[in-house]
Amino acid sequence: MLQEVKDLQNDAVSQLVTEVKKKKEITFKAPTGSGKTYMMADFMNRILAQNSNIIFLVSSLSKGDLARQNYEKFCDYANKKFFANLNPYLINSEIADEERLFIPDTHNVYVLPRDLYKEKSRIKTQGVLFNFFLQLRANGKFIFLIKDECHIATKNLDDLNATFEKIINFSATPKLSRGQNPNVEISYEDAENTKLIKTIEWGKCKRNGDDTDETLEDAVNKFESIKKQYRNLLGVNPCLIIQISNKDKAEDEWNNAIKPILDKKPDLKWMMIVDKDKDCDTNDAFKAKKLPVAKWKNYAKENLASIDIIIFKMVITEGWDIPRACMLYQLRDSQSKQLDEQVMGRVRRNPCLLNFENLSVEAQKLAMSAWIWGIKPETAKKVYGVKLFDDPNDTTDNIKVKITKIKPLTQKADFELQKFIDKQQMAAHLLAPTSIFELGRRLKNTTNEVRTIIYDYASDYQKWRQVAEYTDEIKRESEKYLCDYTQSMEVAKDETGKEIEVSFAVSSHYTQTDKYTEIANWVCEKQKLVQGTSINSIFRSSLQYFTYNPIHRTL
């Protein structure tokens, strides 16, 4: 995964942790495919690290089994030690009719399918959730509600609002009319630039002001042309998804606009998934036909699934991750901006996010392209691709930089804290000990590094008094050491002892707006005049410098 992706997600979570302390309710907006569930887990993990008395309720959509998907991801993150503070539990009602629902109090993240808590449901009529929360609060716990896909209107949990200490909304399309104004946001532009989501190439559409419409057959032909590339370069079988209308119009679209084209393409495997099982169909007799319809979506989202085309109505707007989908053709004339954004998000996920830096430039470009035939949003702007350098003979796919870290003062070769304190005591000749209030003030105002050194040493009150007297002296010694990178800086290594490298993409994109200024390339021109070298040579020299002189990575 590119370092830019990690930084973007990390910064967003850091902002969330800060914002949640200021208000009871905040909203986080991030594009579909930007790792919203991952960032949600990271956010909860950080909050729990700060306060173990916090309990999270994650309210997820019931449709598409989104709650179970979130729960399984949280378990996976916890098991892999990505976010070890998470201890998730999926609330369900799978018990006999005569039994009373029970929720154990041994977890700190509870995932609730939203429709499970509604009028006349057992979990509500029995008062199970309400009483559970009252008991948690009585035991000194604080309950944070996370509303996943908060743009979907619901009043299911309104009667529990008094039990929530904080409410955090998550959505790609928050509802501004309901006050869900984003406090933290990852923009589409930032997500594209960091290779987190694909850049859209818009098909021709008269509704968007084009002279002609590109037909569904044009889209299918385009799909066939890139399918081989996708498989060879990415090792992924791509997918075209077609959105149809509801009710009678959908049947007409299938019979007259879609089926005749697919009949001419027998090598393409298709699957039609709609709301009712009886309306679903497929020509994949060897695989999908043998599976229950309920498992079709899970099969179709796999990177090597044989399904080339998926026809749907409304069933994949939220909660269905299918990164291999790279094309969308909308026959449905949607009037909802939110619906369009949710549907378009299905084809914008990066199918090679975790190993993106290992792909060739050609493969990266393919992985980062999505083709959409539909109504172009009014906010869509012209996106330009740029490269740091352009050399046909260049083989550099990404910029690789070694990670460095700063060692604390206690790891300095000739430093021993007890000897340092003894030396200060001999030189100071204190007439009287400093008051504990002044010592507390010094500790509060010093750096985190110095506080850590002091508290690691102070195993009892006497040691605390002894070391706290010299807080300022330790700070000066620490700063002196940290500024000497020849001693304090080293290349970071993983658990196997291998030096850690991060990758940055050579190419990127930017969106032209009315808020930009063109700046002459005066620095590079000056370099060329002085050294008589090309900008590519200058860049390569710099790249080599940063790669093999990691001490300067943080300058």
Protein backbone atom coordinates (compact mmCIF):
# COMPACT_ATOMS: atom_id res chain seq x y z
CA MET A 1 0.00 0.00 0.00
CA LEU A 2 1.32 3.45 -0.92
CA GLN A 3 2.46 5.66 1.95
CA GLU A 4 0.17 8.46 0.72
CA VAL A 5 -2.83 6.20 1.36
CA LYS A 6 -1.69 5.42 4.90
CA ASP A 7 -1.04 9.09 5.62
CA LEU A 8 -4.43 10.20 4.28
CA GLN A 9 -6.33 7.64 6.35
CA ASN A 10 -4.20 8.25 9.43
CA ASP A 11 -4.70 12.02 9.26
CA ALA A 12 -8.47 11.61 8.88
CA VAL A 13 -8.66 9.35 11.95
CA SER A 14 -6.50 11.76 13.96
CA GLN A 15 -8.91 14.58 13.09
CA LEU A 16 -11.86 12.41 14.13
CA VAL A 17 -10.27 11.68 17.51
CA THR A 18 -9.79 15.42 18.03
CA GLU A 19 -13.26 16.45 16.83
CA VAL A 20 -15.17 13.90 18.90
CA LYS A 21 -13.90 15.59 22.06
CA LYS A 22 -15.50 18.91 21.05
CA LYS A 23 -19.12 17.98 20.22
CA LYS A 24 -21.71 15.35 21.04
CA GLU A 25 -22.37 14.61 17.34
CA ILE A 26 -19.89 14.74 14.46
CA THR A 27 -19.92 13.55 10.84
CA PHE A 28 -17.20 11.89 8.80
CA LYS A 29 -17.49 11.97 5.01
CA ALA A 30 -15.30 9.77 2.82
CA PRO A 31 -15.78 8.39 -0.71
CA THR A 32 -16.96 4.84 -1.20
CA GLY A 33 -13.88 2.67 -1.50
CA SER A 34 -11.64 4.86 0.68
CA GLY A 35 -11.48 2.34 3.54
CA LYS A 36 -14.29 3.71 5.69
CA THR A 37 -14.64 0.51 7.75
CA TYR A 38 -10.88 0.36 8.31
CA MET A 39 -10.81 3.98 9.49
CA MET A 40 -13.83 3.33 11.70
CA ALA A 41 -11.95 0.47 13.38
CA ASP A 42 -8.81 2.60 13.74
CA PHE A 43 -10.86 5.40 15.30
CA MET A 44 -12.47 3.05 17.85
CA ASN A 45 -9.10 1.46 18.63
CA ARG A 46 -7.51 4.84 19.39
CA ILE A 47 -10.41 5.98 21.57
CA LEU A 48 -10.35 2.70 23.52
CA ALA A 49 -6.60 3.08 24.04
CA GLN A 50 -7.30 6.43 25.70
CA ASN A 51 -10.29 5.28 27.76
CA SER A 52 -11.20 1.64 28.32
CA ASN A 53 -14.53 2.66 29.85
CA ILE A 54 -15.95 3.58 26.44
CA ILE A 55 -18.33 1.17 24.71
CA PHE A 56 -19.15 1.46 20.99
CA LEU A 57 -22.45 0.60 19.34
CA VAL A 58 -22.03 0.40 15.57
CA SER A 59 -25.42 0.66 13.89
CA SER A 60 -25.23 -0.77 10.35
CA LEU A 61 -27.74 -1.29 7.58
CA SER A 62 -29.59 -4.58 7.80
CA LYS A 63 -29.80 -4.99 4.03
CA GLY A 64 -26.93 -6.71 2.31
CA ASP A 65 -25.86 -8.17 5.66
CA LEU A 66 -23.69 -5.08 6.16
CA ALA A 67 -23.67 -5.47 9.96
CA ARG A 68 -22.18 -8.96 9.73
CA GLN A 69 -19.62 -7.73 7.17
CA ASN A 70 -18.53 -4.96 9.55
CA TYR A 71 -18.40 -7.38 12.48
CA GLU A 72 -16.25 -9.87 10.55
CA LYS A 73 -13.87 -7.10 9.47
CA PHE A 74 -13.55 -5.84 13.06
CA CYS A 75 -12.77 -9.41 14.20
CA ASP A 76 -10.19 -9.77 11.46
CA TYR A 77 -8.49 -6.48 12.40
CA ALA A 78 -8.41 -7.51 16.07
CA ASN A 79 -7.12 -11.03 15.36
CA LYS A 80 -4.34 -9.71 13.11
CA LYS A 81 -3.35 -7.22 15.85
CA PHE A 82 -4.01 -4.26 13.57
CA PHE A 83 -6.35 -2.89 16.22
CA ALA A 84 -5.84 -5.08 19.25
CA ASN A 85 -8.09 -3.01 21.54
CA LEU A 86 -11.23 -4.08 19.66
CA ASN A 87 -13.36 -6.83 21.17
CA PRO A 88 -16.41 -6.99 18.86
CA TYR A 89 -19.78 -8.69 19.32
CA LEU A 90 -22.61 -9.05 16.78
CA ILE A 91 -26.05 -8.50 18.29
CA ASN A 92 -28.62 -10.89 16.81
CA SER A 93 -32.00 -12.43 17.62
CA GLU A 94 -31.26 -16.02 16.65
CA ILE A 95 -32.78 -17.69 19.72
CA ALA A 96 -35.89 -19.72 20.42
CA ASP A 97 -39.17 -17.85 20.81
CA GLU A 98 -39.51 -18.67 24.50
CA GLU A 99 -36.01 -17.44 25.37
CA ARG A 100 -35.10 -13.92 26.40
CA LEU A 101 -32.43 -12.11 24.38
CA PHE A 102 -29.12 -11.71 26.16
CA ILE A 103 -26.19 -9.38 25.42
CA PRO A 104 -22.90 -10.14 27.25
CA ASP A 105 -21.11 -7.20 28.86
CA THR A 106 -17.61 -8.55 28.15
CA HIS A 107 -17.10 -6.70 24.84
CA ASN A 108 -16.41 -3.08 23.88
CA VAL A 109 -17.72 -2.95 20.28
CA TYR A 110 -21.31 -4.05 19.63
CA VAL A 111 -22.49 -4.26 16.02
CA LEU A 112 -26.25 -3.90 15.53
CA PRO A 113 -28.20 -4.59 12.31
CA ARG A 114 -30.36 -1.47 12.35
CA ASP A 115 -33.66 -3.17 11.57
CA LEU A 116 -33.20 -5.53 14.49
CA TYR A 117 -34.20 -2.66 16.78
CA LYS A 118 -37.59 -1.51 15.54
CA GLU A 119 -41.19 -1.44 16.70
CA LYS A 120 -42.50 -4.85 17.84
CA SER A 121 -39.05 -6.46 17.58
CA ARG A 122 -38.09 -8.65 20.52
CA ILE A 123 -34.95 -6.70 21.32
CA LYS A 124 -37.10 -3.58 21.71
CA THR A 125 -40.26 -4.97 23.31
CA GLN A 126 -38.19 -6.89 25.86
CA GLY A 127 -36.17 -3.75 26.61
CA VAL A 128 -32.95 -5.75 26.22
CA LEU A 129 -30.78 -3.07 24.61
CA PHE A 130 -32.15 -0.21 26.69
CA ASN A 131 -31.59 -2.07 29.98
CA PHE A 132 -28.18 -3.22 28.82
CA PHE A 133 -27.11 0.37 28.22
CA LEU A 134 -28.51 1.52 31.57
CA GLN A 135 -26.46 -1.16 33.30
CA LEU A 136 -23.33 -0.12 31.41
CA ARG A 137 -23.80 3.50 32.42
CA ALA A 138 -24.39 2.48 36.03
CA ASN A 139 -21.02 0.70 35.89
CA GLY A 140 -19.27 3.88 34.77
CA LYS A 141 -19.22 3.17 31.04
CA PHE A 142 -19.70 5.75 28.28
CA ILE A 143 -21.58 4.68 25.14
CA PHE A 144 -20.57 6.04 21.72
CA LEU A 145 -22.96 5.44 18.82
CA ILE A 146 -21.50 5.08 15.31
CA LYS A 147 -24.10 5.41 12.54
CA ASP A 148 -22.73 3.65 9.48
CA GLU A 149 -24.31 4.85 6.21
CA CYS A 150 -25.97 7.62 8.22
CA HIS A 151 -27.60 9.13 5.10
CA ILE A 152 -30.26 6.40 5.26
CA ALA A 153 -33.06 7.94 7.31
CA THR A 154 -34.09 5.96 10.39
CA LYS A 155 -35.69 6.64 13.75
CA ASN A 156 -35.00 3.17 15.12
CA LEU A 157 -32.56 4.29 17.81
CA ASP A 158 -34.02 7.70 18.66
CA ASP A 159 -35.45 6.50 21.99
CA LEU A 160 -31.91 5.55 23.06
CA ASN A 161 -30.30 8.94 22.33
CA ALA A 162 -30.17 9.89 26.01
CA THR A 163 -27.87 6.92 26.69
CA PHE A 164 -25.28 7.97 24.08
CA GLU A 165 -22.36 10.10 25.17
CA LYS A 166 -21.31 10.74 21.54
CA ILE A 167 -22.76 10.12 18.06
CA ILE A 168 -20.43 9.70 15.09
CA ASN A 169 -21.93 9.63 11.58
CA PHE A 170 -20.13 7.80 8.75
CA SER A 171 -21.15 8.12 5.09
CA ALA A 172 -19.96 8.86 1.58
CA THR A 173 -23.10 11.00 1.13
CA PRO A 174 -24.18 12.48 4.49
CA LYS A 175 -27.58 14.17 4.54
CA LEU A 176 -26.95 17.90 4.95
CA SER A 177 -30.67 18.61 5.38
CA ARG A 178 -30.56 16.56 8.59
CA GLY A 179 -27.60 18.50 9.96
CA GLN A 180 -24.97 15.94 8.94
CA ASN A 181 -22.43 18.58 7.96
CA PRO A 182 -18.97 16.96 7.71
CA ASN A 183 -16.57 17.79 10.53
CA VAL A 184 -13.89 15.61 8.93
CA GLU A 185 -13.77 14.82 5.22
CA ILE A 186 -11.64 12.94 2.72
CA SER A 187 -12.33 14.61 -0.61
CA TYR A 188 -12.69 12.74 -3.88
CA GLU A 189 -9.70 14.68 -5.19
CA ASP A 190 -7.46 13.59 -2.30
CA ALA A 191 -8.66 10.00 -2.58
CA GLU A 192 -7.87 9.97 -6.31
CA ASN A 193 -4.47 11.58 -5.88
CA THR A 194 -3.37 9.00 -3.32
CA LYS A 195 -4.58 6.11 -5.53
CA LEU A 196 -7.22 5.19 -2.97
CA ILE A 197 -10.04 5.31 -5.53
CA LYS A 198 -10.18 5.25 -9.32
CA THR A 199 -10.43 8.27 -11.60
CA ILE A 200 -13.60 8.33 -13.72
CA GLU A 201 -13.57 8.40 -17.51
CA TRP A 202 -17.04 9.54 -18.55
CA GLY A 203 -18.78 7.93 -21.49
CA LYS A 204 -20.66 10.11 -23.96
CA CYS A 205 -24.21 10.93 -22.92
CA LYS A 206 -26.64 13.49 -24.40
CA ARG A 207 -27.89 14.22 -20.90
CA ASN A 208 -24.37 15.48 -20.17
CA GLY A 209 -24.29 17.74 -23.24
CA ASP A 210 -22.55 15.35 -25.65
CA ASP A 211 -23.53 15.22 -29.32
CA THR A 212 -24.17 11.48 -29.24
CA ASP A 213 -24.98 8.69 -26.81
CA GLU A 214 -22.69 5.72 -26.45
CA THR A 215 -24.93 2.68 -26.30
CA LEU A 216 -24.81 -0.26 -23.94
CA GLU A 217 -23.29 -2.25 -26.79
CA ASP A 218 -20.49 0.32 -26.98
CA ALA A 219 -19.87 -0.21 -23.27
CA VAL A 220 -19.83 -4.01 -23.63
CA ASN A 221 -17.36 -3.75 -26.51
CA LYS A 222 -15.18 -1.46 -24.42
CA PHE A 223 -15.32 -3.98 -21.58
CA GLU A 224 -14.17 -6.79 -23.87
CA SER A 225 -11.24 -4.68 -25.04
CA ILE A 226 -9.86 -4.14 -21.54
CA LYS A 227 -10.73 -7.55 -20.07
CA LYS A 228 -7.58 -9.24 -21.34
CA GLN A 229 -5.40 -6.34 -20.14
CA TYR A 230 -7.03 -6.49 -16.72
CA ARG A 231 -6.34 -10.20 -16.35
CA ASN A 232 -2.76 -10.02 -17.67
CA LEU A 233 -1.61 -6.88 -15.86
CA LEU A 234 -3.60 -7.06 -12.62
CA GLY A 235 -4.44 -10.74 -12.23
CA VAL A 236 -8.08 -9.72 -11.76
CA ASN A 237 -11.19 -10.55 -13.78
CA PRO A 238 -12.94 -7.17 -14.35
CA CYS A 239 -16.66 -6.57 -14.11
CA LEU A 240 -19.20 -4.32 -15.85
CA ILE A 241 -22.29 -3.48 -13.80
CA ILE A 242 -25.51 -2.32 -15.41
CA GLN A 243 -28.14 -0.45 -13.39
CA ILE A 244 -31.72 -0.90 -14.56
CA SER A 245 -34.96 0.77 -13.54
CA ASN A 246 -37.66 -0.55 -11.24
CA LYS A 247 -40.91 -2.40 -11.99
CA ASP A 248 -42.24 -2.61 -15.56
CA LYS A 249 -39.56 -0.40 -17.07
CA ALA A 250 -36.86 -2.78 -15.84
CA GLU A 251 -38.45 -5.72 -17.66
CA ASP A 252 -38.56 -3.71 -20.89
CA GLU A 253 -34.90 -2.70 -20.48
CA TRP A 254 -33.90 -6.32 -19.94
CA ASN A 255 -35.85 -7.74 -22.86
CA ASN A 256 -35.13 -5.00 -25.42
CA ALA A 257 -31.87 -3.28 -24.42
CA ILE A 258 -29.77 -5.83 -22.53
CA LYS A 259 -30.61 -9.45 -23.39
CA PRO A 260 -30.25 -9.04 -27.21
CA ILE A 261 -26.71 -7.73 -26.71
CA LEU A 262 -25.72 -10.43 -24.22
CA ASP A 263 -27.14 -13.13 -26.49
CA LYS A 264 -24.55 -12.07 -29.07
CA LYS A 265 -21.77 -12.44 -26.47
CA PRO A 266 -22.02 -16.07 -25.26
CA ASP A 267 -18.48 -16.00 -23.87
CA LEU A 268 -19.43 -13.30 -21.35
CA LYS A 269 -20.92 -14.59 -18.10
CA TRP A 270 -23.67 -12.44 -16.65
CA MET A 271 -25.74 -12.37 -13.49
CA MET A 272 -28.96 -10.46 -12.84
CA ILE A 273 -29.50 -9.75 -9.14
CA VAL A 274 -32.70 -7.98 -8.06
CA ASP A 275 -34.70 -7.72 -4.87
CA LYS A 276 -36.53 -11.06 -5.05
CA ASP A 277 -34.81 -14.39 -5.50
CA LYS A 278 -37.29 -15.49 -8.15
CA ASP A 279 -36.29 -12.57 -10.40
CA CYS A 280 -32.58 -13.44 -10.35
CA ASP A 281 -30.96 -15.19 -13.29
CA THR A 282 -27.54 -16.09 -14.72
CA ASN A 283 -25.97 -17.89 -17.66
CA ASP A 284 -23.11 -19.19 -15.48
CA ALA A 285 -24.35 -22.78 -15.36
CA PHE A 286 -21.08 -24.23 -14.06
CA LYS A 287 -20.73 -22.09 -10.93
CA ALA A 288 -23.39 -19.53 -9.99
CA LYS A 289 -26.36 -21.72 -11.01
CA LYS A 290 -25.22 -24.33 -8.52
CA LEU A 291 -25.16 -21.82 -5.63
CA PRO A 292 -28.14 -20.49 -3.63
CA VAL A 293 -29.08 -17.02 -4.86
CA ALA A 294 -28.27 -15.67 -1.39
CA LYS A 295 -24.60 -16.49 -2.06
CA TRP A 296 -24.40 -14.99 -5.53
CA LYS A 297 -23.19 -11.59 -4.35
CA ASN A 298 -20.40 -13.10 -2.25
CA TYR A 299 -19.25 -15.18 -5.21
CA ALA A 300 -19.48 -12.31 -7.72
CA LYS A 301 -17.28 -9.94 -5.71
CA GLU A 302 -14.25 -12.27 -5.73
CA ASN A 303 -11.38 -11.00 -7.90
CA LEU A 304 -11.30 -14.18 -9.97
CA ALA A 305 -15.05 -14.75 -10.19
CA SER A 306 -16.14 -15.75 -13.68
CA ILE A 307 -19.04 -13.27 -13.76
CA ASP A 308 -18.26 -10.52 -16.29
CA ILE A 309 -21.49 -8.50 -16.13
CA ILE A 310 -23.87 -7.84 -13.24
CA ILE A 311 -27.34 -6.38 -13.87
CA PHE A 312 -29.02 -4.85 -10.81
CA LYS A 313 -31.73 -2.48 -9.64
CA MET A 314 -30.95 -1.08 -6.19
CA VAL A 315 -29.21 -3.92 -4.39
CA ILE A 316 -25.61 -2.68 -4.57
CA THR A 317 -25.90 0.93 -3.52
CA GLU A 318 -24.39 0.31 -0.07
CA GLY A 319 -22.49 -2.42 1.68
CA TRP A 320 -21.22 -4.48 -1.24
CA ASP A 321 -17.50 -4.23 -1.91
CA ILE A 322 -16.59 -5.41 -5.41
CA PRO A 323 -13.22 -3.79 -6.28
CA ARG A 324 -12.94 -5.68 -9.57
CA ALA A 325 -15.93 -3.71 -10.92
CA CYS A 326 -14.48 -1.06 -13.23
CA MET A 327 -17.41 -0.08 -15.50
CA LEU A 328 -20.94 1.19 -14.83
CA TYR A 329 -23.69 1.71 -17.38
CA GLN A 330 -26.83 3.40 -16.01
CA LEU A 331 -30.03 2.69 -17.90
CA ARG A 332 -31.90 3.91 -14.85
CA ASP A 333 -32.56 7.65 -15.00
CA SER A 334 -31.92 8.41 -11.35
CA GLN A 335 -33.08 11.69 -9.85
CA SER A 336 -31.09 11.24 -6.65
CA LYS A 337 -27.62 12.69 -6.36
CA GLN A 338 -26.95 10.56 -3.28
CA LEU A 339 -28.06 7.39 -5.04
CA ASP A 340 -25.85 8.16 -8.03
CA GLU A 341 -22.80 8.75 -5.82
CA GLN A 342 -23.39 5.50 -3.94
CA VAL A 343 -23.79 3.49 -7.15
CA MET A 344 -20.78 5.10 -8.82
CA GLY A 345 -18.75 4.26 -5.74
CA ARG A 346 -19.13 0.57 -6.59
CA VAL A 347 -16.71 0.90 -9.52
CA ARG A 348 -14.18 3.23 -7.89
CA ARG A 349 -12.42 0.90 -5.45
CA ASN A 350 -8.75 0.15 -6.05
CA PRO A 351 -8.61 -3.60 -6.88
CA CYS A 352 -4.88 -3.76 -6.06
CA LEU A 353 -4.68 -1.43 -3.06
CA LEU A 354 -2.37 -3.56 -0.91
CA ASN A 355 0.23 -4.29 -3.61
CA PHE A 356 -0.25 -1.20 -5.77
CA GLU A 357 3.36 -0.04 -5.47
CA ASN A 358 4.57 -3.31 -7.00
CA LEU A 359 2.60 -2.83 -10.24
CA SER A 360 4.07 -1.44 -13.45
CA VAL A 361 3.12 2.08 -14.51
CA GLU A 362 0.81 0.64 -17.17
CA ALA A 363 -0.89 -1.64 -14.65
CA GLN A 364 -1.29 1.20 -12.14
CA LYS A 365 -3.00 3.36 -14.73
CA LEU A 366 -5.39 0.53 -15.60
CA ALA A 367 -6.17 -0.19 -11.95
CA MET A 368 -6.94 3.48 -11.36
CA SER A 369 -9.42 3.89 -14.25
CA ALA A 370 -13.20 3.56 -14.02
CA TRP A 371 -15.58 4.00 -16.95
CA ILE A 372 -19.07 5.33 -16.29
CA TRP A 373 -21.97 5.96 -18.68
CA GLY A 374 -24.51 7.95 -16.70
CA ILE A 375 -25.49 11.39 -15.50
CA LYS A 376 -22.33 13.32 -14.75
CA PRO A 377 -22.60 15.21 -11.42
CA GLU A 378 -22.62 18.99 -11.73
CA THR A 379 -19.69 19.13 -9.32
CA ALA A 380 -17.52 16.93 -11.54
CA LYS A 381 -14.51 18.89 -12.78
CA LYS A 382 -11.85 18.27 -15.35
CA VAL A 383 -9.17 15.99 -13.91
CA TYR A 384 -5.63 16.15 -15.29
CA GLY A 385 -2.96 13.47 -15.01
CA VAL A 386 0.60 14.52 -14.23
CA LYS A 387 3.93 12.73 -13.79
CA LEU A 388 6.93 13.78 -11.77
CA PHE A 389 9.12 13.02 -14.76
CA ASP A 390 8.54 11.66 -18.25
CA ASP A 391 11.26 9.51 -19.73
CA PRO A 392 10.40 6.64 -22.12
CA ASN A 393 13.56 4.83 -21.05
CA ASP A 394 12.79 5.13 -17.36
CA THR A 395 11.98 1.93 -15.45
CA THR A 396 11.15 3.50 -12.09
CA ASP A 397 7.56 2.61 -11.21
CA ASN A 398 7.46 4.35 -7.84
CA ILE A 399 9.63 6.43 -5.58
CA LYS A 400 10.92 4.25 -2.73
CA VAL A 401 12.11 5.89 0.48
CA LYS A 402 13.45 4.22 3.59
CA ILE A 403 11.67 5.03 6.84
CA THR A 404 13.73 6.48 9.67
CA LYS A 405 12.95 6.89 13.35
CA ILE A 406 14.33 8.97 16.20
CA LYS A 407 15.62 7.04 19.22
CA PRO A 408 14.85 8.41 22.71
CA LEU A 409 17.61 9.80 24.92
CA THR A 410 17.65 6.61 26.99
CA GLN A 411 19.02 4.75 23.95
CA LYS A 412 22.02 7.06 23.65
CA ALA A 413 25.16 4.95 23.95
CA ASP A 414 26.86 6.92 26.74
CA PHE A 415 23.75 8.11 28.61
CA GLU A 416 22.59 6.66 31.92
CA LEU A 417 19.81 8.53 33.71
CA GLN A 418 20.97 7.79 37.28
CA LYS A 419 24.48 9.05 36.57
CA PHE A 420 23.01 12.12 34.85
CA ILE A 421 20.90 12.89 37.96
CA ASP A 422 23.88 12.39 40.29
CA LYS A 423 25.93 14.76 38.17
CA GLN A 424 23.19 17.41 38.28
CA GLN A 425 22.89 17.06 42.06
CA MET A 426 26.61 17.58 42.55
CA ALA A 427 26.58 20.67 40.37
CA ALA A 428 23.35 22.26 41.61
CA HIS A 429 23.75 22.28 45.42
CA LEU A 430 20.03 22.82 46.02
CA LEU A 431 19.29 24.81 49.18
CA ALA A 432 15.72 23.46 49.40
CA PRO A 433 13.65 21.04 47.32
CA THR A 434 11.26 22.55 44.80
CA SER A 435 7.56 22.37 45.71
CA ILE A 436 5.57 19.51 44.17
CA PHE A 437 3.29 22.09 42.54
CA GLU A 438 6.21 23.63 40.66
CA LEU A 439 7.49 20.17 39.72
CA GLY A 440 4.02 19.32 38.41
CA ARG A 441 3.97 22.50 36.33
CA ARG A 442 7.36 21.66 34.80
CA LEU A 443 6.23 18.15 33.92
CA LYS A 444 3.04 19.44 32.36
CA ASN A 445 4.95 21.90 30.16
CA THR A 446 7.72 19.57 29.05
CA THR A 447 7.73 17.26 26.03
CA ASN A 448 6.15 13.82 25.83
CA GLU A 449 9.59 12.26 25.39
CA VAL A 450 10.85 13.78 28.65
CA ARG A 451 7.70 12.81 30.56
CA THR A 452 8.13 9.22 29.36
CA ILE A 453 11.76 9.17 30.56
CA ILE A 454 10.76 10.52 33.97
CA TYR A 455 7.80 8.23 34.56
CA ASP A 456 9.71 5.15 33.39
CA TYR A 457 12.37 5.95 36.02
CA ALA A 458 10.07 7.00 38.87
CA SER A 459 9.02 3.67 40.39
CA ASP A 460 8.19 5.36 43.74
CA TYR A 461 7.59 8.84 45.16
CA GLN A 462 11.20 9.39 46.24
CA LYS A 463 12.51 8.63 42.77
CA TRP A 464 9.84 10.89 41.26
CA ARG A 465 10.99 13.81 43.45
CA GLN A 466 14.59 13.09 42.61
CA VAL A 467 14.17 13.01 38.83
CA ALA A 468 11.47 15.70 38.55
CA GLU A 469 13.85 18.29 40.04
CA TYR A 470 15.85 18.07 36.82
CA THR A 471 13.05 18.09 34.26
CA ASP A 472 14.44 21.13 32.44
CA GLU A 473 17.99 19.72 32.41
CA ILE A 474 16.78 16.40 31.00
CA LYS A 475 14.81 18.29 28.35
CA ARG A 476 17.90 20.22 27.24
CA GLU A 477 19.97 17.05 27.10
CA SER A 478 17.23 15.28 25.12
CA GLU A 479 16.89 18.10 22.58
CA LYS A 480 20.66 18.25 22.13
CA TYR A 481 20.72 14.50 21.45
CA LEU A 482 17.68 14.48 19.16
CA CYS A 483 19.12 17.26 17.02
CA ASP A 484 22.29 15.24 16.44
CA TYR A 485 20.91 12.89 13.79
CA THR A 486 24.20 11.00 13.54
CA GLN A 487 23.39 9.58 16.98
CA SER A 488 19.61 9.72 17.35
CA MET A 489 18.34 8.66 13.93
CA GLU A 490 18.27 5.15 12.52
CA VAL A 491 16.54 3.29 9.69
CA ALA A 492 13.37 1.59 10.93
CA LYS A 493 13.19 -2.19 10.65
CA ASP A 494 10.34 -4.66 10.76
CA GLU A 495 10.08 -7.66 13.12
CA THR A 496 12.37 -9.71 10.86
CA GLY A 497 15.12 -7.08 10.91
CA LYS A 498 14.49 -5.93 7.33
CA GLU A 499 14.71 -2.20 6.66
CA ILE A 500 11.27 -0.69 6.00
CA GLU A 501 10.61 1.13 2.71
CA VAL A 502 7.55 3.07 1.65
CA SER A 503 6.44 3.85 -1.89
CA PHE A 504 5.15 7.05 -3.45
CA ALA A 505 3.53 7.08 -6.89
CA VAL A 506 5.35 8.91 -9.69
CA SER A 507 2.08 9.89 -11.37
CA SER A 508 -0.86 11.76 -9.86
CA HIS A 509 -3.96 13.76 -10.76
CA TYR A 510 -5.25 17.21 -9.99
CA THR A 511 -8.58 18.92 -10.48
CA GLN A 512 -8.55 22.35 -12.07
CA THR A 513 -10.51 24.97 -10.17
CA ASP A 514 -10.69 28.77 -10.20
CA LYS A 515 -8.50 28.83 -7.10
CA TYR A 516 -5.04 28.10 -8.45
CA THR A 517 -1.97 30.07 -9.50
CA GLU A 518 0.56 29.14 -12.14
CA ILE A 519 4.12 29.38 -10.84
CA ALA A 520 7.12 29.48 -13.15
CA ASN A 521 9.57 26.60 -12.75
CA TRP A 522 12.20 29.05 -11.53
CA VAL A 523 13.96 26.79 -9.01
CA CYS A 524 14.55 24.06 -11.56
CA GLU A 525 15.58 26.59 -14.21
CA LYS A 526 18.14 28.00 -11.81
CA GLN A 527 19.49 24.51 -11.15
CA LYS A 528 19.81 23.91 -14.88
CA LEU A 529 21.69 27.16 -15.42
CA VAL A 530 24.10 26.50 -12.59
CA GLN A 531 24.72 22.82 -13.10
CA GLY A 532 23.88 22.42 -16.79
CA THR A 533 21.80 19.33 -16.07
CA SER A 534 18.27 18.32 -16.97
CA ILE A 535 15.41 18.27 -14.51
CA ASN A 536 15.27 14.47 -14.84
CA SER A 537 18.90 14.24 -13.79
CA ILE A 538 18.28 16.59 -10.89
CA PHE A 539 15.34 14.49 -9.77
CA ARG A 540 17.26 11.23 -10.01
CA SER A 541 20.12 12.68 -7.98
CA SER A 542 17.65 13.79 -5.34
CA LEU A 543 15.89 10.44 -5.40
CA GLN A 544 19.15 8.58 -4.92
CA TYR A 545 20.07 10.97 -2.12
CA PHE A 546 16.83 10.39 -0.25
CA THR A 547 16.84 6.65 -0.87
CA TYR A 548 20.38 5.94 0.25
CA ASN A 549 20.77 8.71 2.82
CA PRO A 550 17.75 8.02 5.01
CA ILE A 551 19.08 10.25 7.76
CA HIS A 552 17.82 13.19 5.71
CA ARG A 553 14.36 11.68 5.20
CA THR A 554 12.80 13.87 7.89
CA LEU A 555 14.55 17.16 7.09
